Amino acid sequence: MRFVLFVALALSVTGCTRWSMNHHMNLAYKAYDRGNCEQVMLELSQVDRASRARRYMQPEVSMLRGQCLERQKLFVDAAQTYQFIITQYPNSEYAFRARARLETLQSLGHYPTRSASAIRPTAS
């Protein structure tokens, strides 16, 4: 009986966080499919809370957040989110996808290739 109790306790400590993250990620993807970005952001914040010790979840969470920002026509914010993925996780699948999204935003004219705040020399 003690063994069963010990196993149940061990699983609750290690498994609940993982289960919770998966549950909220699944809900976020379902909300995204329905076009409900407010619910997506809420679910992703729940994943963020549960995944602080699991950094491998961050690129996926950020990618979905960026896609939602795009859907809400917040293109600069989406581009910054994609830049974050590329900078922090350069060798991940999500960095590859983030680069593709940035190229798409640039080709559609939603995100400039060169920053508007870039320093330009004055003509003498």
PDB file of N, CA and C in Angstrom:
ATOM      1  N   MET A   1       0.813  -1.186   0.000  1.00  0.00           N
ATOM      2  CA  MET A   1       0.000   0.000   0.000  1.00  0.00           C
ATOM      3  C   MET A   1       0.861   1.256   0.000  1.00  0.00           C
ATOM      4  N   ARG A   2       1.951   1.231   0.766  1.00  0.00           N
ATOM      5  CA  ARG A   2       2.853   2.387   0.769  1.00  0.00           C
ATOM      6  C   ARG A   2       3.458   2.616  -0.599  1.00  0.00           C
ATOM      7  N   PHE A   3       3.773   1.525  -1.280  1.00  0.00           N
ATOM      8  CA  PHE A   3       4.375   1.643  -2.603  1.00  0.00           C
ATOM      9  C   PHE A   3       3.422   2.356  -3.563  1.00  0.00           C
ATOM     10  N   VAL A   4       2.160   1.992  -3.549  1.00  0.00           N
ATOM     11  CA  VAL A   4       1.159   2.613  -4.417  1.00  0.00           C
ATOM     12  C   VAL A   4       1.030   4.096  -4.085  1.00  0.00           C
ATOM     13  N   LEU A   5       1.028   4.413  -2.816  1.00  0.00           N
ATOM     14  CA  LEU A   5       0.951   5.795  -2.392  1.00  0.00           C
ATOM     15  C   LEU A   5       2.175   6.588  -2.860  1.00  0.00           C
ATOM     16  N   PHE A   6       3.343   5.986  -2.736  1.00  0.00           N
ATOM     17  CA  PHE A   6       4.583   6.623  -3.163  1.00  0.00           C
ATOM     18  C   PHE A   6       4.581   6.860  -4.667  1.00  0.00           C
ATOM     19  N   VAL A   7       4.158   5.878  -5.442  1.00  0.00           N
ATOM     20  CA  VAL A   7       4.109   6.014  -6.901  1.00  0.00           C
ATOM     21  C   VAL A   7       3.108   7.099  -7.293  1.00  0.00           C
ATOM     22  N   ALA A   8       1.954   7.107  -6.660  1.00  0.00           N
ATOM     23  CA  ALA A   8       0.951   8.129  -6.958  1.00  0.00           C
ATOM     24  C   ALA A   8       1.475   9.529  -6.646  1.00  0.00           C
ATOM     25  N   LEU A   9       2.176   9.658  -5.544  1.00  0.00           N
ATOM     26  CA  LEU A   9       2.758  10.947  -5.181  1.00  0.00           C
ATOM     27  C   LEU A   9       3.831  11.362  -6.175  1.00  0.00           C
ATOM     28  N   ALA A  10       4.683  10.426  -6.552  1.00  0.00           N
ATOM     29  CA  ALA A  10       5.749  10.724  -7.520  1.00  0.00           C
ATOM     30  C   ALA A  10       5.158  11.148  -8.862  1.00  0.00           C
ATOM     31  N   LEU A  11       4.143  10.457  -9.305  1.00  0.00           N
ATOM     32  CA  LEU A  11       3.512  10.821 -10.575  1.00  0.00           C
ATOM     33  C   LEU A  11       2.820  12.167 -10.495  1.00  0.00           C
ATOM     34  N   SER A  12       2.231  12.462  -9.375  1.00  0.00           N
ATOM     35  CA  SER A  12       1.547  13.750  -9.244  1.00  0.00           C
ATOM     36  C   SER A  12       2.534  14.899  -9.256  1.00  0.00           C
ATOM     37  N   VAL A  13       3.704  14.690  -8.705  1.00  0.00           N
ATOM     38  CA  VAL A  13       4.714  15.745  -8.679  1.00  0.00           C
ATOM     39  C   VAL A  13       5.318  15.949 -10.056  1.00  0.00           C
ATOM     40  N   THR A  14       5.621  14.867 -10.769  1.00  0.00           N
ATOM     41  CA  THR A  14       6.286  14.992 -12.058  1.00  0.00           C
ATOM     42  C   THR A  14       5.329  15.046 -13.230  1.00  0.00           C
ATOM     43  N   GLY A  15       4.216  14.372 -13.143  1.00  0.00           N
ATOM     44  CA  GLY A  15       3.334  14.248 -14.291  1.00  0.00           C
ATOM     45  C   GLY A  15       2.304  15.345 -14.427  1.00  0.00           C
ATOM     46  N   CYS A  16       1.884  15.937 -13.351  1.00  0.00           N
ATOM     47  CA  CYS A  16       0.800  16.928 -13.427  1.00  0.00           C
ATOM     48  C   CYS A  16       1.209  18.157 -14.214  1.00  0.00           C
ATOM     49  N   THR A  17       2.420  18.615 -14.012  1.00  0.00           N
ATOM     50  CA  THR A  17       2.869  19.801 -14.729  1.00  0.00           C
ATOM     51  C   THR A  17       2.905  19.524 -16.226  1.00  0.00           C
ATOM     52  N   ARG A  18       3.445  18.380 -16.592  1.00  0.00           N
ATOM     53  CA  ARG A  18       3.511  18.013 -18.004  1.00  0.00           C
ATOM     54  C   ARG A  18       2.102  17.862 -18.578  1.00  0.00           C
ATOM     55  N   TRP A  19       1.219  17.199 -17.826  1.00  0.00           N
ATOM     56  CA  TRP A  19      -0.148  17.025 -18.283  1.00  0.00           C
ATOM     57  C   TRP A  19      -0.829  18.375 -18.432  1.00  0.00           C
ATOM     58  N   SER A  20      -0.608  19.255 -17.478  1.00  0.00           N
ATOM     59  CA  SER A  20      -1.207  20.585 -17.514  1.00  0.00           C
ATOM     60  C   SER A  20      -0.726  21.372 -18.732  1.00  0.00           C
ATOM     61  N   MET A  21       0.587  21.301 -18.998  1.00  0.00           N
ATOM     62  CA  MET A  21       1.120  22.009 -20.169  1.00  0.00           C
ATOM     63  C   MET A  21       0.495  21.477 -21.452  1.00  0.00           C
ATOM     64  N   ASN A  22       0.464  20.164 -21.592  1.00  0.00           N
ATOM     65  CA  ASN A  22      -0.122  19.564 -22.793  1.00  0.00           C
ATOM     66  C   ASN A  22      -1.597  19.940 -22.929  1.00  0.00           C
ATOM     67  N   HIS A  23      -2.312  19.914 -21.838  1.00  0.00           N
ATOM     68  CA  HIS A  23      -3.724  20.255 -21.844  1.00  0.00           C
ATOM     69  C   HIS A  23      -3.930  21.695 -22.328  1.00  0.00           C
ATOM     70  N   HIS A  24      -3.154  22.622 -21.789  1.00  0.00           N
ATOM     71  CA  HIS A  24      -3.306  24.027 -22.178  1.00  0.00           C
ATOM     72  C   HIS A  24      -2.819  24.276 -23.610  1.00  0.00           C
ATOM     73  N   MET A  25      -1.782  23.564 -24.042  1.00  0.00           N
ATOM     74  CA  MET A  25      -1.334  23.704 -25.439  1.00  0.00           C
ATOM     75  C   MET A  25      -2.422  23.196 -26.386  1.00  0.00           C
ATOM     76  N   ASN A  26      -3.025  22.069 -26.057  1.00  0.00           N
ATOM     77  CA  ASN A  26      -4.111  21.545 -26.893  1.00  0.00           C
ATOM     78  C   ASN A  26      -5.277  22.525 -26.948  1.00  0.00           C
ATOM     79  N   LEU A  27      -5.629  23.095 -25.808  1.00  0.00           N
ATOM     80  CA  LEU A  27      -6.708  24.091 -25.794  1.00  0.00           C
ATOM     81  C   LEU A  27      -6.328  25.334 -26.604  1.00  0.00           C
ATOM     82  N   ALA A  28      -5.064  25.725 -26.549  1.00  0.00           N
ATOM     83  CA  ALA A  28      -4.606  26.890 -27.319  1.00  0.00           C
ATOM     84  C   ALA A  28      -4.722  26.629 -28.820  1.00  0.00           C
ATOM     85  N   TYR A  29      -4.300  25.439 -29.263  1.00  0.00           N
ATOM     86  CA  TYR A  29      -4.409  25.111 -30.689  1.00  0.00           C
ATOM     87  C   TYR A  29      -5.879  25.050 -31.128  1.00  0.00           C
ATOM     88  N   LYS A  30      -6.738  24.507 -30.284  1.00  0.00           N
ATOM     89  CA  LYS A  30      -8.169  24.457 -30.627  1.00  0.00           C
ATOM     90  C   LYS A  30      -8.749  25.864 -30.726  1.00  0.00           C
ATOM     91  N   ALA A  31      -8.364  26.734 -29.802  1.00  0.00           N
ATOM     92  CA  ALA A  31      -8.839  28.119 -29.846  1.00  0.00           C
ATOM     93  C   ALA A  31      -8.311  28.830 -31.085  1.00  0.00           C
ATOM     94  N   TYR A  32      -7.068  28.543 -31.475  1.00  0.00           N
ATOM     95  CA  TYR A  32      -6.489  29.148 -32.672  1.00  0.00           C
ATOM     96  C   TYR A  32      -7.267  28.707 -33.913  1.00  0.00           C
ATOM     97  N   ASP A  33      -7.613  27.423 -33.955  1.00  0.00           N
ATOM     98  CA  ASP A  33      -8.395  26.919 -35.084  1.00  0.00           C
ATOM     99  C   ASP A  33      -9.756  27.600 -35.184  1.00  0.00           C
ATOM    100  N   ARG A  34     -10.327  27.953 -34.045  1.00  0.00           N
ATOM    101  CA  ARG A  34     -11.612  28.653 -34.026  1.00  0.00           C
ATOM    102  C   ARG A  34     -11.455  30.151 -34.276  1.00  0.00           C
ATOM    103  N   GLY A  35     -10.214  30.648 -34.263  1.00  0.00           N
ATOM    104  CA  GLY A  35      -9.978  32.072 -34.474  1.00  0.00           C
ATOM    105  C   GLY A  35     -10.107  32.900 -33.212  1.00  0.00           C
ATOM    106  N   ASN A  36     -10.068  32.264 -32.066  1.00  0.00           N
ATOM    107  CA  ASN A  36     -10.228  32.953 -30.790  1.00  0.00           C
ATOM    108  C   ASN A  36      -8.857  33.231 -30.170  1.00  0.00           C
ATOM    109  N   CYS A  37      -8.218  34.303 -30.615  1.00  0.00           N
ATOM    110  CA  CYS A  37      -6.852  34.598 -30.164  1.00  0.00           C
ATOM    111  C   CYS A  37      -6.791  35.033 -28.703  1.00  0.00           C
ATOM    112  N   GLU A  38      -7.854  35.590 -28.197  1.00  0.00           N
ATOM    113  CA  GLU A  38      -7.848  35.954 -26.771  1.00  0.00           C
ATOM    114  C   GLU A  38      -7.735  34.708 -25.904  1.00  0.00           C
ATOM    115  N   GLN A  39      -8.464  33.653 -26.287  1.00  0.00           N
ATOM    116  CA  GLN A  39      -8.375  32.391 -25.549  1.00  0.00           C
ATOM    117  C   GLN A  39      -7.008  31.747 -25.737  1.00  0.00           C
ATOM    118  N   VAL A  40      -6.443  31.892 -26.936  1.00  0.00           N
ATOM    119  CA  VAL A  40      -5.099  31.357 -27.192  1.00  0.00           C
ATOM    120  C   VAL A  40      -4.102  31.993 -26.234  1.00  0.00           C
ATOM    121  N   MET A  41      -4.146  33.320 -26.125  1.00  0.00           N
ATOM    122  CA  MET A  41      -3.203  34.015 -25.250  1.00  0.00           C
ATOM    123  C   MET A  41      -3.377  33.592 -23.793  1.00  0.00           C
ATOM    124  N   LEU A  42      -4.606  33.391 -23.377  1.00  0.00           N
ATOM    125  CA  LEU A  42      -4.866  32.938 -22.018  1.00  0.00           C
ATOM    126  C   LEU A  42      -4.276  31.543 -21.786  1.00  0.00           C
ATOM    127  N   GLU A  43      -4.498  30.635 -22.718  1.00  0.00           N
ATOM    128  CA  GLU A  43      -3.971  29.271 -22.581  1.00  0.00           C
ATOM    129  C   GLU A  43      -2.447  29.270 -22.621  1.00  0.00           C
ATOM    130  N   LEU A  44      -1.869  30.112 -23.479  1.00  0.00           N
ATOM    131  CA  LEU A  44      -0.401  30.167 -23.563  1.00  0.00           C
ATOM    132  C   LEU A  44       0.199  30.727 -22.278  1.00  0.00           C
ATOM    133  N   SER A  45      -0.494  31.641 -21.643  1.00  0.00           N
ATOM    134  CA  SER A  45       0.031  32.142 -20.367  1.00  0.00           C
ATOM    135  C   SER A  45       0.007  31.038 -19.312  1.00  0.00           C
ATOM    136  N   GLN A  46      -0.985  30.160 -19.378  1.00  0.00           N
ATOM    137  CA  GLN A  46      -1.020  29.013 -18.468  1.00  0.00           C
ATOM    138  C   GLN A  46       0.150  28.068 -18.750  1.00  0.00           C
ATOM    139  N   VAL A  47       0.464  27.876 -20.016  1.00  0.00           N
ATOM    140  CA  VAL A  47       1.613  27.028 -20.381  1.00  0.00           C
ATOM    141  C   VAL A  47       2.895  27.668 -19.883  1.00  0.00           C
ATOM    142  N   ASP A  48       3.020  28.984 -20.058  1.00  0.00           N
ATOM    143  CA  ASP A  48       4.221  29.683 -19.577  1.00  0.00           C
ATOM    144  C   ASP A  48       4.438  29.460 -18.089  1.00  0.00           C
ATOM    145  N   ARG A  49       3.363  29.537 -17.330  1.00  0.00           N
ATOM    146  CA  ARG A  49       3.485  29.332 -15.886  1.00  0.00           C
ATOM    147  C   ARG A  49       3.934  27.923 -15.544  1.00  0.00           C
ATOM    148  N   ALA A  50       3.427  26.955 -16.273  1.00  0.00           N
ATOM    149  CA  ALA A  50       3.749  25.556 -15.969  1.00  0.00           C
ATOM    150  C   ALA A  50       5.098  25.129 -16.543  1.00  0.00           C
ATOM    151  N   SER A  51       5.620  25.864 -17.511  1.00  0.00           N
ATOM    152  CA  SER A  51       6.819  25.389 -18.218  1.00  0.00           C
ATOM    153  C   SER A  51       8.085  26.159 -17.894  1.00  0.00           C
ATOM    154  N   ARG A  52       8.107  26.889 -16.825  1.00  0.00           N
ATOM    155  CA  ARG A  52       9.303  27.690 -16.527  1.00  0.00           C
ATOM    156  C   ARG A  52      10.557  26.836 -16.447  1.00  0.00           C
ATOM    157  N   ALA A  53      10.438  25.634 -15.951  1.00  0.00           N
ATOM    158  CA  ALA A  53      11.600  24.749 -15.850  1.00  0.00           C
ATOM    159  C   ALA A  53      11.795  23.932 -17.121  1.00  0.00           C
ATOM    160  N   ARG A  54      10.908  24.067 -18.067  1.00  0.00           N
ATOM    161  CA  ARG A  54      10.976  23.293 -19.313  1.00  0.00           C
ATOM    162  C   ARG A  54      11.102  24.251 -20.494  1.00  0.00           C
ATOM    163  N   ARG A  55      12.295  24.728 -20.715  1.00  0.00           N
ATOM    164  CA  ARG A  55      12.537  25.723 -21.762  1.00  0.00           C
ATOM    165  C   ARG A  55      12.243  25.211 -23.165  1.00  0.00           C
ATOM    166  N   TYR A  56      12.228  23.902 -23.352  1.00  0.00           N
ATOM    167  CA  TYR A  56      11.987  23.354 -24.676  1.00  0.00           C
ATOM    168  C   TYR A  56      10.583  23.679 -25.191  1.00  0.00           C
ATOM    169  N   MET A  57       9.690  24.089 -24.311  1.00  0.00           N
ATOM    170  CA  MET A  57       8.333  24.448 -24.722  1.00  0.00           C
ATOM    171  C   MET A  57       8.251  25.880 -25.257  1.00  0.00           C
ATOM    172  N   GLN A  58       9.192  26.721 -24.894  1.00  0.00           N
ATOM    173  CA  GLN A  58       9.114  28.145 -25.217  1.00  0.00           C
ATOM    174  C   GLN A  58       9.053  28.447 -26.716  1.00  0.00           C
ATOM    175  N   PRO A  59       9.836  27.789 -27.573  1.00  0.00           N
ATOM    176  CA  PRO A  59       9.732  28.135 -28.996  1.00  0.00           C
ATOM    177  C   PRO A  59       8.344  27.852 -29.579  1.00  0.00           C
ATOM    178  N   GLU A  60       7.746  26.743 -29.189  1.00  0.00           N
ATOM    179  CA  GLU A  60       6.410  26.415 -29.693  1.00  0.00           C
ATOM    180  C   GLU A  60       5.374  27.419 -29.189  1.00  0.00           C
ATOM    181  N   VAL A  61       5.470  27.762 -27.920  1.00  0.00           N
ATOM    182  CA  VAL A  61       4.546  28.746 -27.333  1.00  0.00           C
ATOM    183  C   VAL A  61       4.709  30.089 -28.043  1.00  0.00           C
ATOM    184  N   SER A  62       5.940  30.507 -28.255  1.00  0.00           N
ATOM    185  CA  SER A  62       6.189  31.796 -28.914  1.00  0.00           C
ATOM    186  C   SER A  62       5.709  31.786 -30.361  1.00  0.00           C
ATOM    187  N   MET A  63       5.873  30.669 -31.041  1.00  0.00           N
ATOM    188  CA  MET A  63       5.430  30.580 -32.432  1.00  0.00           C
ATOM    189  C   MET A  63       3.917  30.757 -32.526  1.00  0.00           C
ATOM    190  N   LEU A  64       3.194  30.065 -31.679  1.00  0.00           N
ATOM    191  CA  LEU A  64       1.733  30.191 -31.699  1.00  0.00           C
ATOM    192  C   LEU A  64       1.306  31.602 -31.297  1.00  0.00           C
ATOM    193  N   ARG A  65       2.027  32.189 -30.354  1.00  0.00           N
ATOM    194  CA  ARG A  65       1.734  33.570 -29.951  1.00  0.00           C
ATOM    195  C   ARG A  65       1.953  34.515 -31.141  1.00  0.00           C
ATOM    196  N   GLY A  66       3.040  34.338 -31.870  1.00  0.00           N
ATOM    197  CA  GLY A  66       3.316  35.171 -33.041  1.00  0.00           C
ATOM    198  C   GLY A  66       2.257  35.020 -34.119  1.00  0.00           C
ATOM    199  N   GLN A  67       1.794  33.797 -34.336  1.00  0.00           N
ATOM    200  CA  GLN A  67       0.766  33.582 -35.340  1.00  0.00           C
ATOM    201  C   GLN A  67      -0.545  34.275 -34.940  1.00  0.00           C
ATOM    202  N   CYS A  68      -0.840  34.254 -33.667  1.00  0.00           N
ATOM    203  CA  CYS A  68      -2.048  34.931 -33.192  1.00  0.00           C
ATOM    204  C   CYS A  68      -1.903  36.448 -33.343  1.00  0.00           C
ATOM    205  N   LEU A  69      -0.729  36.959 -33.043  1.00  0.00           N
ATOM    206  CA  LEU A  69      -0.500  38.397 -33.218  1.00  0.00           C
ATOM    207  C   LEU A  69      -0.674  38.792 -34.682  1.00  0.00           C
ATOM    208  N   GLU A  70      -0.200  37.945 -35.585  1.00  0.00           N
ATOM    209  CA  GLU A  70      -0.408  38.195 -37.013  1.00  0.00           C
ATOM    210  C   GLU A  70      -1.892  38.216 -37.350  1.00  0.00           C
ATOM    211  N   ARG A  71      -2.619  37.249 -36.832  1.00  0.00           N
ATOM    212  CA  ARG A  71      -4.048  37.143 -37.100  1.00  0.00           C
ATOM    213  C   ARG A  71      -4.788  38.393 -36.601  1.00  0.00           C
ATOM    214  N   GLN A  72      -4.264  38.999 -35.535  1.00  0.00           N
ATOM    215  CA  GLN A  72      -4.866  40.218 -34.997  1.00  0.00           C
ATOM    216  C   GLN A  72      -4.325  41.472 -35.679  1.00  0.00           C
ATOM    217  N   LYS A  73      -3.526  41.272 -36.713  1.00  0.00           N
ATOM    218  CA  LYS A  73      -2.921  42.353 -37.499  1.00  0.00           C
ATOM    219  C   LYS A  73      -1.934  43.192 -36.691  1.00  0.00           C
ATOM    220  N   LEU A  74      -1.311  42.589 -35.714  1.00  0.00           N
ATOM    221  CA  LEU A  74      -0.246  43.224 -34.930  1.00  0.00           C
ATOM    222  C   LEU A  74       1.089  42.723 -35.481  1.00  0.00           C
ATOM    223  N   PHE A  75       1.388  43.168 -36.693  1.00  0.00           N
ATOM    224  CA  PHE A  75       2.497  42.603 -37.451  1.00  0.00           C
ATOM    225  C   PHE A  75       3.860  42.886 -36.836  1.00  0.00           C
ATOM    226  N   VAL A  76       4.059  44.076 -36.301  1.00  0.00           N
ATOM    227  CA  VAL A  76       5.351  44.406 -35.692  1.00  0.00           C
ATOM    228  C   VAL A  76       5.588  43.534 -34.461  1.00  0.00           C
ATOM    229  N   ASP A  77       4.558  43.353 -33.650  1.00  0.00           N
ATOM    230  CA  ASP A  77       4.681  42.490 -32.468  1.00  0.00           C
ATOM    231  C   ASP A  77       4.949  41.047 -32.868  1.00  0.00           C
ATOM    232  N   ALA A  78       4.259  40.593 -33.899  1.00  0.00           N
ATOM    233  CA  ALA A  78       4.487  39.227 -34.388  1.00  0.00           C
ATOM    234  C   ALA A  78       5.933  39.074 -34.870  1.00  0.00           C
ATOM    235  N   ALA A  79       6.415  40.062 -35.623  1.00  0.00           N
ATOM    236  CA  ALA A  79       7.786  40.005 -36.131  1.00  0.00           C
ATOM    237  C   ALA A  79       8.798  39.989 -34.987  1.00  0.00           C
ATOM    238  N   GLN A  80       8.553  40.777 -33.957  1.00  0.00           N
ATOM    239  CA  GLN A  80       9.456  40.771 -32.802  1.00  0.00           C
ATOM    240  C   GLN A  80       9.436  39.426 -32.087  1.00  0.00           C
ATOM    241  N   THR A  81       8.276  38.799 -32.038  1.00  0.00           N
ATOM    242  CA  THR A  81       8.176  37.466 -31.439  1.00  0.00           C
ATOM    243  C   THR A  81       8.975  36.468 -32.270  1.00  0.00           C
ATOM    244  N   TYR A  82       8.865  36.562 -33.589  1.00  0.00           N
ATOM    245  CA  TYR A  82       9.631  35.671 -34.457  1.00  0.00           C
ATOM    246  C   TYR A  82      11.130  35.921 -34.314  1.00  0.00           C
ATOM    247  N   GLN A  83      11.515  37.188 -34.182  1.00  0.00           N
ATOM    248  CA  GLN A  83      12.937  37.510 -33.976  1.00  0.00           C
ATOM    249  C   GLN A  83      13.435  36.897 -32.667  1.00  0.00           C
ATOM    250  N   PHE A  84      12.604  36.932 -31.634  1.00  0.00           N
ATOM    251  CA  PHE A  84      12.957  36.316 -30.354  1.00  0.00           C
ATOM    252  C   PHE A  84      13.239  34.830 -30.538  1.00  0.00           C
ATOM    253  N   ILE A  85      12.382  34.147 -31.270  1.00  0.00           N
ATOM    254  CA  ILE A  85      12.585  32.713 -31.505  1.00  0.00           C
ATOM    255  C   ILE A  85      13.891  32.469 -32.234  1.00  0.00           C
ATOM    256  N   ILE A  86      14.151  33.251 -33.257  1.00  0.00           N
ATOM    257  CA  ILE A  86      15.369  33.073 -34.060  1.00  0.00           C
ATOM    258  C   ILE A  86      16.613  33.326 -33.216  1.00  0.00           C
ATOM    259  N   THR A  87      16.558  34.345 -32.368  1.00  0.00           N
ATOM    260  CA  THR A  87      17.708  34.697 -31.529  1.00  0.00           C
ATOM    261  C   THR A  87      17.947  33.683 -30.421  1.00  0.00           C
ATOM    262  N   GLN A  88      16.884  33.285 -29.733  1.00  0.00           N
ATOM    263  CA  GLN A  88      17.030  32.415 -28.567  1.00  0.00           C
ATOM    264  C   GLN A  88      17.156  30.938 -28.912  1.00  0.00           C
ATOM    265  N   TYR A  89      16.556  30.520 -30.014  1.00  0.00           N
ATOM    266  CA  TYR A  89      16.529  29.097 -30.383  1.00  0.00           C
ATOM    267  C   TYR A  89      16.904  28.943 -31.854  1.00  0.00           C
ATOM    268  N   PRO A  90      18.113  29.358 -32.242  1.00  0.00           N
ATOM    269  CA  PRO A  90      18.471  29.441 -33.661  1.00  0.00           C
ATOM    270  C   PRO A  90      18.470  28.110 -34.410  1.00  0.00           C
ATOM    271  N   ASN A  91      18.640  27.006 -33.725  1.00  0.00           N
ATOM    272  CA  ASN A  91      18.721  25.714 -34.411  1.00  0.00           C
ATOM    273  C   ASN A  91      17.444  24.898 -34.308  1.00  0.00           C
ATOM    274  N   SER A  92      16.383  25.513 -33.822  1.00  0.00           N
ATOM    275  CA  SER A  92      15.142  24.762 -33.648  1.00  0.00           C
ATOM    276  C   SER A  92      14.295  24.802 -34.922  1.00  0.00           C
ATOM    277  N   GLU A  93      13.356  23.890 -34.985  1.00  0.00           N
ATOM    278  CA  GLU A  93      12.379  23.868 -36.075  1.00  0.00           C
ATOM    279  C   GLU A  93      11.594  25.175 -36.100  1.00  0.00           C
ATOM    280  N   TYR A  94      11.342  25.717 -34.924  1.00  0.00           N
ATOM    281  CA  TYR A  94      10.541  26.939 -34.834  1.00  0.00           C
ATOM    282  C   TYR A  94      11.314  28.157 -35.332  1.00  0.00           C
ATOM    283  N   ALA A  95      12.624  28.156 -35.236  1.00  0.00           N
ATOM    284  CA  ALA A  95      13.423  29.244 -35.810  1.00  0.00           C
ATOM    285  C   ALA A  95      13.294  29.228 -37.335  1.00  0.00           C
ATOM    286  N   PHE A  96      13.308  28.040 -37.913  1.00  0.00           N
ATOM    287  CA  PHE A  96      13.117  27.911 -39.353  1.00  0.00           C
ATOM    288  C   PHE A  96      11.740  28.453 -39.758  1.00  0.00           C
ATOM    289  N   ARG A  97      10.725  28.071 -39.006  1.00  0.00           N
ATOM    290  CA  ARG A  97       9.370  28.537 -39.293  1.00  0.00           C
ATOM    291  C   ARG A  97       9.240  30.040 -39.061  1.00  0.00           C
ATOM    292  N   ALA A  98       9.908  30.555 -38.027  1.00  0.00           N
ATOM    293  CA  ALA A  98       9.864  31.993 -37.740  1.00  0.00           C
ATOM    294  C   ALA A  98      10.508  32.789 -38.874  1.00  0.00           C
ATOM    295  N   ARG A  99      11.620  32.289 -39.412  1.00  0.00           N
ATOM    296  CA  ARG A  99      12.251  32.965 -40.551  1.00  0.00           C
ATOM    297  C   ARG A  99      11.298  33.018 -41.744  1.00  0.00           C
ATOM    298  N   ALA A 100      10.611  31.924 -41.986  1.00  0.00           N
ATOM    299  CA  ALA A 100       9.654  31.881 -43.096  1.00  0.00           C
ATOM    300  C   ALA A 100       8.518  32.882 -42.871  1.00  0.00           C
ATOM    301  N   ARG A 101       8.022  32.999 -41.645  1.00  0.00           N
ATOM    302  CA  ARG A 101       6.956  33.952 -41.346  1.00  0.00           C
ATOM    303  C   ARG A 101       7.456  35.383 -41.539  1.00  0.00           C
ATOM    304  N   LEU A 102       8.698  35.660 -41.108  1.00  0.00           N
ATOM    305  CA  LEU A 102       9.255  37.006 -41.301  1.00  0.00           C
ATOM    306  C   LEU A 102       9.362  37.339 -42.782  1.00  0.00           C
ATOM    307  N   GLU A 103       9.825  36.381 -43.584  1.00  0.00           N
ATOM    308  CA  GLU A 103       9.924  36.608 -45.024  1.00  0.00           C
ATOM    309  C   GLU A 103       8.551  36.881 -45.628  1.00  0.00           C
ATOM    310  N   THR A 104       7.552  36.152 -45.172  1.00  0.00           N
ATOM    311  CA  THR A 104       6.191  36.371 -45.662  1.00  0.00           C
ATOM    312  C   THR A 104       5.691  37.757 -45.268  1.00  0.00           C
ATOM    313  N   LEU A 105       5.914  38.145 -44.021  1.00  0.00           N
ATOM    314  CA  LEU A 105       5.496  39.485 -43.579  1.00  0.00           C
ATOM    315  C   LEU A 105       6.190  40.559 -44.402  1.00  0.00           C
ATOM    316  N   GLN A 106       7.479  40.370 -44.690  1.00  0.00           N
ATOM    317  CA  GLN A 106       8.219  41.350 -45.479  1.00  0.00           C
ATOM    318  C   GLN A 106       7.702  41.395 -46.910  1.00  0.00           C
ATOM    319  N   SER A 107       7.442  40.238 -47.511  1.00  0.00           N
ATOM    320  CA  SER A 107       6.980  40.224 -48.902  1.00  0.00           C
ATOM    321  C   SER A 107       5.578  40.820 -49.043  1.00  0.00           C
ATOM    322  N   LEU A 108       4.770  40.736 -47.985  1.00  0.00           N
ATOM    323  CA  LEU A 108       3.429  41.330 -48.019  1.00  0.00           C
ATOM    324  C   LEU A 108       3.440  42.807 -47.640  1.00  0.00           C
ATOM    325  N   GLY A 109       4.612  43.312 -47.236  1.00  0.00           N
ATOM    326  CA  GLY A 109       4.741  44.720 -46.879  1.00  0.00           C
ATOM    327  C   GLY A 109       4.277  45.050 -45.474  1.00  0.00           C
ATOM    328  N   HIS A 110       4.113  44.032 -44.628  1.00  0.00           N
ATOM    329  CA  HIS A 110       3.671  44.267 -43.260  1.00  0.00           C
ATOM    330  C   HIS A 110       4.819  44.506 -42.296  1.00  0.00           C
ATOM    331  N   TYR A 111       6.007  44.194 -42.739  1.00  0.00           N
ATOM    332  CA  TYR A 111       7.180  44.369 -41.875  1.00  0.00           C
ATOM    333  C   TYR A 111       8.336  44.795 -42.759  1.00  0.00           C
ATOM    334  N   PRO A 112       8.881  45.977 -42.508  1.00  0.00           N
ATOM    335  CA  PRO A 112       9.953  46.476 -43.380  1.00  0.00           C
ATOM    336  C   PRO A 112      11.233  45.653 -43.241  1.00  0.00           C
ATOM    337  N   THR A 113      11.940  45.564 -44.340  1.00  0.00           N
ATOM    338  CA  THR A 113      13.220  44.852 -44.335  1.00  0.00           C
ATOM    339  C   THR A 113      14.224  45.586 -43.470  1.00  0.00           C
ATOM    340  N   ARG A 114      14.195  46.909 -43.554  1.00  0.00           N
ATOM    341  CA  ARG A 114      15.101  47.743 -42.772  1.00  0.00           C
ATOM    342  C   ARG A 114      14.274  48.524 -41.765  1.00  0.00           C
ATOM    343  N   SER A 115      14.767  48.647 -40.573  1.00  0.00           N
ATOM    344  CA  SER A 115      14.034  49.331 -39.502  1.00  0.00           C
ATOM    345  C   SER A 115      13.840  50.799 -39.844  1.00  0.00           C
ATOM    346  N   ALA A 116      12.672  51.317 -39.527  1.00  0.00           N
ATOM    347  CA  ALA A 116      12.368  52.740 -39.774  1.00  0.00           C
ATOM    348  C   ALA A 116      13.198  53.638 -38.861  1.00  0.00           C
ATOM    349  N   SER A 117      13.686  53.110 -37.762  1.00  0.00           N
ATOM    350  CA  SER A 117      14.463  53.921 -36.835  1.00  0.00           C
ATOM    351  C   SER A 117      15.966  53.795 -37.076  1.00  0.00           C
ATOM    352  N   ALA A 118      16.339  53.251 -38.213  1.00  0.00           N
ATOM    353  CA  ALA A 118      17.754  53.104 -38.519  1.00  0.00           C
ATOM    354  C   ALA A 118      18.410  54.457 -38.689  1.00  0.00           C
ATOM    355  N   ILE A 119      19.651  54.559 -38.296  1.00  0.00           N
ATOM    356  CA  ILE A 119      20.397  55.820 -38.415  1.00  0.00           C
ATOM    357  C   ILE A 119      20.868  55.964 -39.857  1.00  0.00           C
ATOM    358  N   ARG A 120      20.556  57.111 -40.439  1.00  0.00           N
ATOM    359  CA  ARG A 120      20.951  57.376 -41.816  1.00  0.00           C
ATOM    360  C   ARG A 120      21.796  58.648 -41.832  1.00  0.00           C
ATOM    361  N   PRO A 121      22.886  58.636 -42.568  1.00  0.00           N
ATOM    362  CA  PRO A 121      23.718  59.845 -42.628  1.00  0.00           C
ATOM    363  C   PRO A 121      22.981  60.963 -43.382  1.00  0.00           C
ATOM    364  N   THR A 122      23.209  62.187 -42.960  1.00  0.00           N
ATOM    365  CA  THR A 122      22.584  63.332 -43.617  1.00  0.00           C
ATOM    366  C   THR A 122      23.420  63.734 -44.817  1.00  0.00           C
ATOM    367  N   ALA A 123      22.751  64.279 -45.808  1.00  0.00           N
ATOM    368  CA  ALA A 123      23.440  64.744 -47.022  1.00  0.00           C
ATOM    369  C   ALA A 123      24.121  66.077 -46.714  1.00  0.00           C
ATOM    370  N   SER A 124      25.358  66.201 -47.134  1.00  0.00           N
ATOM    371  CA  SER A 124      26.101  67.444 -46.868  1.00  0.00           C
ATOM    372  C   SER A 124      26.043  68.381 -48.033  1.00  0.00           C
TER     373      SER A 124
END
